[in-house]
């Protein structure tokens, strides 16, 4: 099946030439149709740790595997 450059880019089929097998086009269109309805994941926001007085807590440089400045560390 002949596809223009714009169509191949839209479907993510840049590795093919202008003649793309119909099965590949159908699979790419189905994947593209399913991906449109899924909202992108929001990055997790980190929450700063606070002392009992409400001030930001600092990180202890002695513990490299844990970041005490954030609640989720």
PDB file of N, CA and C in Angstrom:
ATOM      1  N   UNK A   1       0.846  -1.160   0.000  1.00  0.00           N
ATOM      2  CA  UNK A   1       0.000   0.000   0.000  1.00  0.00           C
ATOM      3  C   UNK A   1       0.902   1.236   0.000  1.00  0.00           C
ATOM      4  N   UNK A   2       0.634   2.164  -0.896  1.00  0.00           N
ATOM      5  CA  UNK A   2       1.425   3.383  -0.984  1.00  0.00           C
ATOM      6  C   UNK A   2       1.020   4.350   0.127  1.00  0.00           C
ATOM      7  N   UNK A   3       2.016   4.876   0.847  1.00  0.00           N
ATOM      8  CA  UNK A   3       1.778   5.897   1.866  1.00  0.00           C
ATOM      9  C   UNK A   3       2.714   7.067   1.608  1.00  0.00           C
ATOM     10  N   UNK A   4       2.202   8.253   1.778  1.00  0.00           N
ATOM     11  CA  UNK A   4       3.052   9.432   1.636  1.00  0.00           C
ATOM     12  C   UNK A   4       3.947   9.554   2.871  1.00  0.00           C
ATOM     13  N   UNK A   5       4.919  10.413   2.789  1.00  0.00           N
ATOM     14  CA  UNK A   5       5.818  10.620   3.920  1.00  0.00           C
ATOM     15  C   UNK A   5       5.062  11.098   5.151  1.00  0.00           C
ATOM     16  N   UNK A   6       4.102  11.988   4.973  1.00  0.00           N
ATOM     17  CA  UNK A   6       3.323  12.489   6.099  1.00  0.00           C
ATOM     18  C   UNK A   6       2.539  11.376   6.782  1.00  0.00           C
ATOM     19  N   UNK A   7       1.948  10.492   5.994  1.00  0.00           N
ATOM     20  CA  UNK A   7       1.191   9.378   6.562  1.00  0.00           C
ATOM     21  C   UNK A   7       2.106   8.416   7.314  1.00  0.00           C
ATOM     22  N   UNK A   8       3.269   8.129   6.742  1.00  0.00           N
ATOM     23  CA  UNK A   8       4.195   7.224   7.419  1.00  0.00           C
ATOM     24  C   UNK A   8       4.678   7.825   8.729  1.00  0.00           C
ATOM     25  N   UNK A   9       4.914   9.120   8.765  1.00  0.00           N
ATOM     26  CA  UNK A   9       5.344   9.778  10.002  1.00  0.00           C
ATOM     27  C   UNK A   9       4.211   9.752  11.017  1.00  0.00           C
ATOM     28  N   UNK A  10       2.989  10.024  10.593  1.00  0.00           N
ATOM     29  CA  UNK A  10       1.840  10.019  11.498  1.00  0.00           C
ATOM     30  C   UNK A  10       1.631   8.650  12.134  1.00  0.00           C
ATOM     31  N   UNK A  11       1.862   7.599  11.363  1.00  0.00           N
ATOM     32  CA  UNK A  11       1.672   6.238  11.860  1.00  0.00           C
ATOM     33  C   UNK A  11       2.923   5.661  12.521  1.00  0.00           C
ATOM     34  N   UNK A  12       4.030   6.369  12.457  1.00  0.00           N
ATOM     35  CA  UNK A  12       5.265   5.870  13.059  1.00  0.00           C
ATOM     36  C   UNK A  12       5.920   4.775  12.244  1.00  0.00           C
ATOM     37  N   UNK A  13       5.801   4.846  10.928  1.00  0.00           N
ATOM     38  CA  UNK A  13       6.335   3.804  10.049  1.00  0.00           C
ATOM     39  C   UNK A  13       7.455   4.350   9.173  1.00  0.00           C
ATOM     40  N   UNK A  14       8.331   5.158   9.741  1.00  0.00           N
ATOM     41  CA  UNK A  14       9.400   5.768   8.957  1.00  0.00           C
ATOM     42  C   UNK A  14      10.396   4.743   8.438  1.00  0.00           C
ATOM     43  N   UNK A  15      10.484   3.578   9.070  1.00  0.00           N
ATOM     44  CA  UNK A  15      11.467   2.586   8.650  1.00  0.00           C
ATOM     45  C   UNK A  15      11.080   1.915   7.332  1.00  0.00           C
ATOM     46  N   UNK A  16       9.838   2.086   6.901  1.00  0.00           N
ATOM     47  CA  UNK A  16       9.392   1.511   5.637  1.00  0.00           C
ATOM     48  C   UNK A  16       9.562   2.530   4.525  1.00  0.00           C
ATOM     49  N   UNK A  17       9.621   2.040   3.307  1.00  0.00           N
ATOM     50  CA  UNK A  17       9.616   2.918   2.146  1.00  0.00           C
ATOM     51  C   UNK A  17       8.184   3.364   1.878  1.00  0.00           C
ATOM     52  N   UNK A  18       7.933   3.853   0.694  1.00  0.00           N
ATOM     53  CA  UNK A  18       6.586   4.318   0.392  1.00  0.00           C
ATOM     54  C   UNK A  18       5.602   3.159   0.219  1.00  0.00           C
ATOM     55  N   UNK A  19       6.099   1.930  -0.001  1.00  0.00           N
ATOM     56  CA  UNK A  19       5.241   0.758  -0.161  1.00  0.00           C
ATOM     57  C   UNK A  19       5.242  -0.030   1.154  1.00  0.00           C
ATOM     58  N   UNK A  20       4.151   0.090   1.921  1.00  0.00           N
ATOM     59  CA  UNK A  20       4.047  -0.531   3.249  1.00  0.00           C
ATOM     60  C   UNK A  20       2.997  -1.637   3.181  1.00  0.00           C
ATOM     61  N   UNK A  21       3.269  -2.820   3.773  1.00  0.00           N
ATOM     62  CA  UNK A  21       2.256  -3.888   3.782  1.00  0.00           C
ATOM     63  C   UNK A  21       0.968  -3.442   4.480  1.00  0.00           C
ATOM     64  N   UNK A  22      -0.164  -3.894   3.960  1.00  0.00           N
ATOM     65  CA  UNK A  22      -1.459  -3.475   4.490  1.00  0.00           C
ATOM     66  C   UNK A  22      -1.653  -3.906   5.938  1.00  0.00           C
ATOM     67  N   UNK A  23      -1.108  -5.071   6.319  1.00  0.00           N
ATOM     68  CA  UNK A  23      -1.241  -5.537   7.698  1.00  0.00           C
ATOM     69  C   UNK A  23      -0.535  -4.600   8.668  1.00  0.00           C
ATOM     70  N   UNK A  24       0.607  -4.099   8.245  1.00  0.00           N
ATOM     71  CA  UNK A  24       1.375  -3.182   9.094  1.00  0.00           C
ATOM     72  C   UNK A  24       0.628  -1.861   9.254  1.00  0.00           C
ATOM     73  N   UNK A  25       0.046  -1.370   8.174  1.00  0.00           N
ATOM     74  CA  UNK A  25      -0.724  -0.125   8.231  1.00  0.00           C
ATOM     75  C   UNK A  25      -1.926  -0.288   9.148  1.00  0.00           C
ATOM     76  N   UNK A  26      -2.630  -1.416   9.028  1.00  0.00           N
ATOM     77  CA  UNK A  26      -3.806  -1.664   9.861  1.00  0.00           C
ATOM     78  C   UNK A  26      -3.425  -1.736  11.337  1.00  0.00           C
ATOM     79  N   UNK A  27      -2.324  -2.412  11.638  1.00  0.00           N
ATOM     80  CA  UNK A  27      -1.887  -2.517  13.028  1.00  0.00           C
ATOM     81  C   UNK A  27      -1.475  -1.151  13.582  1.00  0.00           C
ATOM     82  N   UNK A  28      -0.799  -0.341  12.778  1.00  0.00           N
ATOM     83  CA  UNK A  28      -0.377   0.980  13.225  1.00  0.00           C
ATOM     84  C   UNK A  28      -1.569   1.899  13.450  1.00  0.00           C
ATOM     85  N   UNK A  29      -2.571   1.829  12.571  1.00  0.00           N
ATOM     86  CA  UNK A  29      -3.773   2.639  12.747  1.00  0.00           C
ATOM     87  C   UNK A  29      -4.556   2.211  13.981  1.00  0.00           C
ATOM     88  N   UNK A  30      -4.617   0.909  14.253  1.00  0.00           N
ATOM     89  CA  UNK A  30      -5.312   0.422  15.446  1.00  0.00           C
ATOM     90  C   UNK A  30      -4.593   0.866  16.713  1.00  0.00           C
ATOM     91  N   UNK A  31      -3.273   0.811  16.702  1.00  0.00           N
ATOM     92  CA  UNK A  31      -2.505   1.250  17.864  1.00  0.00           C
ATOM     93  C   UNK A  31      -2.656   2.747  18.080  1.00  0.00           C
ATOM     94  N   UNK A  32      -2.681   3.494  16.994  1.00  0.00           N
ATOM     95  CA  UNK A  32      -2.844   4.935  17.088  1.00  0.00           C
ATOM     96  C   UNK A  32      -4.237   5.300  17.586  1.00  0.00           C
ATOM     97  N   UNK A  33      -5.251   4.568  17.164  1.00  0.00           N
ATOM     98  CA  UNK A  33      -6.619   4.834  17.609  1.00  0.00           C
ATOM     99  C   UNK A  33      -6.784   4.518  19.094  1.00  0.00           C
ATOM    100  N   UNK A  34      -6.128   3.481  19.572  1.00  0.00           N
ATOM    101  CA  UNK A  34      -6.210   3.130  20.989  1.00  0.00           C
ATOM    102  C   UNK A  34      -5.433   4.078  21.874  1.00  0.00           C
ATOM    103  N   UNK A  35      -4.389   4.685  21.334  1.00  0.00           N
ATOM    104  CA  UNK A  35      -3.547   5.569  22.136  1.00  0.00           C
ATOM    105  C   UNK A  35      -4.150   6.954  22.311  1.00  0.00           C
ATOM    106  N   UNK A  36      -5.101   7.330  21.467  1.00  0.00           N
ATOM    107  CA  UNK A  36      -5.657   8.682  21.534  1.00  0.00           C
ATOM    108  C   UNK A  36      -6.532   8.876  22.755  1.00  0.00           C
ATOM    109  N   UNK A  37      -7.078   7.814  23.289  1.00  0.00           N
ATOM    110  CA  UNK A  37      -8.031   7.940  24.389  1.00  0.00           C
ATOM    111  C   UNK A  37      -7.370   7.849  25.757  1.00  0.00           C
ATOM    112  N   UNK A  38      -6.112   7.564  25.813  1.00  0.00           N
ATOM    113  CA  UNK A  38      -5.417   7.412  27.079  1.00  0.00           C
ATOM    114  C   UNK A  38      -4.714   8.719  27.410  1.00  0.00           C
ATOM    115  N   UNK A  39      -4.989   9.236  28.588  1.00  0.00           N
ATOM    116  CA  UNK A  39      -4.356  10.480  29.014  1.00  0.00           C
ATOM    117  C   UNK A  39      -2.912  10.206  29.409  1.00  0.00           C
ATOM    118  N   UNK A  40      -1.995  11.098  29.093  1.00  0.00           N
ATOM    119  CA  UNK A  40      -0.610  10.884  29.495  1.00  0.00           C
ATOM    120  C   UNK A  40      -0.476  10.926  31.013  1.00  0.00           C
ATOM    121  N   UNK A  41       0.407  10.110  31.527  1.00  0.00           N
ATOM    122  CA  UNK A  41       0.608  10.029  32.968  1.00  0.00           C
ATOM    123  C   UNK A  41       1.260  11.312  33.474  1.00  0.00           C
ATOM    124  N   UNK A  42       0.753  11.799  34.588  1.00  0.00           N
ATOM    125  CA  UNK A  42       1.339  12.990  35.190  1.00  0.00           C
ATOM    126  C   UNK A  42       2.551  12.568  36.021  1.00  0.00           C
ATOM    127  N   UNK A  43       3.615  13.331  35.971  1.00  0.00           N
ATOM    128  CA  UNK A  43       4.765  12.988  36.799  1.00  0.00           C
ATOM    129  C   UNK A  43       4.432  13.163  38.275  1.00  0.00           C
ATOM    130  N   UNK A  44       4.961  12.273  39.070  1.00  0.00           N
ATOM    131  CA  UNK A  44       4.698  12.333  40.502  1.00  0.00           C
ATOM    132  C   UNK A  44       5.373  13.561  41.094  1.00  0.00           C
ATOM    133  N   UNK A  45       4.630  14.279  41.903  1.00  0.00           N
ATOM    134  CA  UNK A  45       5.209  15.454  42.555  1.00  0.00           C
ATOM    135  C   UNK A  45       5.737  15.033  43.906  1.00  0.00           C
ATOM    136  N   UNK A  46       6.892  15.539  44.242  1.00  0.00           N
ATOM    137  CA  UNK A  46       7.487  15.219  45.529  1.00  0.00           C
ATOM    138  C   UNK A  46       7.019  16.231  46.563  1.00  0.00           C
ATOM    139  N   UNK A  47       6.852  15.776  47.789  1.00  0.00           N
ATOM    140  CA  UNK A  47       6.435  16.628  48.881  1.00  0.00           C
ATOM    141  C   UNK A  47       7.625  16.838  49.808  1.00  0.00           C
ATOM    142  N   UNK A  48       7.941  18.093  50.085  1.00  0.00           N
ATOM    143  CA  UNK A  48       9.063  18.399  50.957  1.00  0.00           C
ATOM    144  C   UNK A  48       8.742  18.011  52.393  1.00  0.00           C
ATOM    145  N   UNK A  49       9.727  17.458  53.062  1.00  0.00           N
ATOM    146  CA  UNK A  49       9.591  17.103  54.475  1.00  0.00           C
ATOM    147  C   UNK A  49       9.735  18.365  55.312  1.00  0.00           C
ATOM    148  N   UNK A  50       8.998  18.408  56.416  1.00  0.00           N
ATOM    149  CA  UNK A  50       9.041  19.573  57.298  1.00  0.00           C
ATOM    150  C   UNK A  50       9.326  19.133  58.720  1.00  0.00           C
ATOM    151  N   UNK A  51       9.936  20.019  59.465  1.00  0.00           N
ATOM    152  CA  UNK A  51      10.209  19.764  60.878  1.00  0.00           C
ATOM    153  C   UNK A  51       8.928  20.015  61.670  1.00  0.00           C
ATOM    154  N   UNK A  52       8.983  19.788  62.978  1.00  0.00           N
ATOM    155  CA  UNK A  52       7.808  20.021  63.820  1.00  0.00           C
ATOM    156  C   UNK A  52       7.429  21.498  63.864  1.00  0.00           C
ATOM    157  N   UNK A  53       8.392  22.389  63.589  1.00  0.00           N
ATOM    158  CA  UNK A  53       8.121  23.825  63.550  1.00  0.00           C
ATOM    159  C   UNK A  53       7.587  24.277  62.197  1.00  0.00           C
ATOM    160  N   UNK A  54       7.544  23.387  61.214  1.00  0.00           N
ATOM    161  CA  UNK A  54       7.026  23.718  59.902  1.00  0.00           C
ATOM    162  C   UNK A  54       8.080  24.155  58.906  1.00  0.00           C
ATOM    163  N   UNK A  55       9.350  24.154  59.297  1.00  0.00           N
ATOM    164  CA  UNK A  55      10.415  24.540  58.380  1.00  0.00           C
ATOM    165  C   UNK A  55      10.808  23.344  57.514  1.00  0.00           C
ATOM    166  N   UNK A  56      11.374  23.656  56.335  1.00  0.00           N
ATOM    167  CA  UNK A  56      11.837  22.579  55.469  1.00  0.00           C
ATOM    168  C   UNK A  56      12.974  21.824  56.140  1.00  0.00           C
ATOM    169  N   UNK A  57      12.938  20.506  55.994  1.00  0.00           N
ATOM    170  CA  UNK A  57      13.980  19.651  56.563  1.00  0.00           C
ATOM    171  C   UNK A  57      15.047  19.415  55.501  1.00  0.00           C
ATOM    172  N   UNK A  58      16.302  19.441  55.889  1.00  0.00           N
ATOM    173  CA  UNK A  58      17.400  19.233  54.956  1.00  0.00           C
ATOM    174  C   UNK A  58      17.737  17.766  54.772  1.00  0.00           C
ATOM    175  N   UNK A  59      18.557  17.491  53.778  1.00  0.00           N
ATOM    176  CA  UNK A  59      18.997  16.138  53.496  1.00  0.00           C
ATOM    177  C   UNK A  59      20.257  15.846  54.288  1.00  0.00           C
ATOM    178  N   UNK A  60      20.368  14.625  54.823  1.00  0.00           N
ATOM    179  CA  UNK A  60      21.560  14.207  55.548  1.00  0.00           C
ATOM    180  C   UNK A  60      22.544  13.620  54.538  1.00  0.00           C
ATOM    181  N   UNK A  61      23.708  14.281  54.327  1.00  0.00           N
ATOM    182  CA  UNK A  61      24.658  13.777  53.334  1.00  0.00           C
ATOM    183  C   UNK A  61      25.253  12.417  53.685  1.00  0.00           C
ATOM    184  N   UNK A  62      25.152  11.983  54.931  1.00  0.00           N
ATOM    185  CA  UNK A  62      25.720  10.696  55.338  1.00  0.00           C
ATOM    186  C   UNK A  62      24.916   9.520  54.789  1.00  0.00           C
ATOM    187  N   UNK A  63      23.649   9.739  54.489  1.00  0.00           N
ATOM    188  CA  UNK A  63      22.810   8.663  53.953  1.00  0.00           C
ATOM    189  C   UNK A  63      22.570   8.925  52.473  1.00  0.00           C
ATOM    190  N   UNK A  64      23.350   8.285  51.632  1.00  0.00           N
ATOM    191  CA  UNK A  64      23.261   8.538  50.195  1.00  0.00           C
ATOM    192  C   UNK A  64      22.065   7.849  49.536  1.00  0.00           C
ATOM    193  N   UNK A  65      21.553   6.781  50.123  1.00  0.00           N
ATOM    194  CA  UNK A  65      20.455   6.048  49.499  1.00  0.00           C
ATOM    195  C   UNK A  65      19.078   6.615  49.846  1.00  0.00           C
ATOM    196  N   UNK A  66      19.001   7.489  50.831  1.00  0.00           N
ATOM    197  CA  UNK A  66      17.718   8.063  51.243  1.00  0.00           C
ATOM    198  C   UNK A  66      17.829   9.582  51.204  1.00  0.00           C
ATOM    199  N   UNK A  67      16.796  10.240  50.706  1.00  0.00           N
ATOM    200  CA  UNK A  67      16.745  11.688  50.675  1.00  0.00           C
ATOM    201  C   UNK A  67      15.734  12.146  51.707  1.00  0.00           C
ATOM    202  N   UNK A  68      16.228  12.601  52.836  1.00  0.00           N
ATOM    203  CA  UNK A  68      15.339  12.993  53.931  1.00  0.00           C
ATOM    204  C   UNK A  68      14.640  14.328  53.676  1.00  0.00           C
ATOM    205  N   UNK A  69      15.044  15.069  52.669  1.00  0.00           N
ATOM    206  CA  UNK A  69      14.433  16.357  52.383  1.00  0.00           C
ATOM    207  C   UNK A  69      13.038  16.201  51.784  1.00  0.00           C
ATOM    208  N   UNK A  70      12.701  15.004  51.331  1.00  0.00           N
ATOM    209  CA  UNK A  70      11.382  14.759  50.760  1.00  0.00           C
ATOM    210  C   UNK A  70      10.699  13.653  51.530  1.00  0.00           C
ATOM    211  N   UNK A  71       9.368  13.724  51.618  1.00  0.00           N
ATOM    212  CA  UNK A  71       8.601  12.742  52.386  1.00  0.00           C
ATOM    213  C   UNK A  71       8.729  11.358  51.767  1.00  0.00           C
ATOM    214  N   UNK A  72       8.661  11.269  50.435  1.00  0.00           N
ATOM    215  CA  UNK A  72       8.740   9.969  49.762  1.00  0.00           C
ATOM    216  C   UNK A  72      10.158   9.462  49.634  1.00  0.00           C
ATOM    217  N   UNK A  73      11.135  10.294  49.951  1.00  0.00           N
ATOM    218  CA  UNK A  73      12.546   9.997  49.979  1.00  0.00           C
ATOM    219  C   UNK A  73      13.064   9.251  48.830  1.00  0.00           C
TER     220      UNK A  73
END
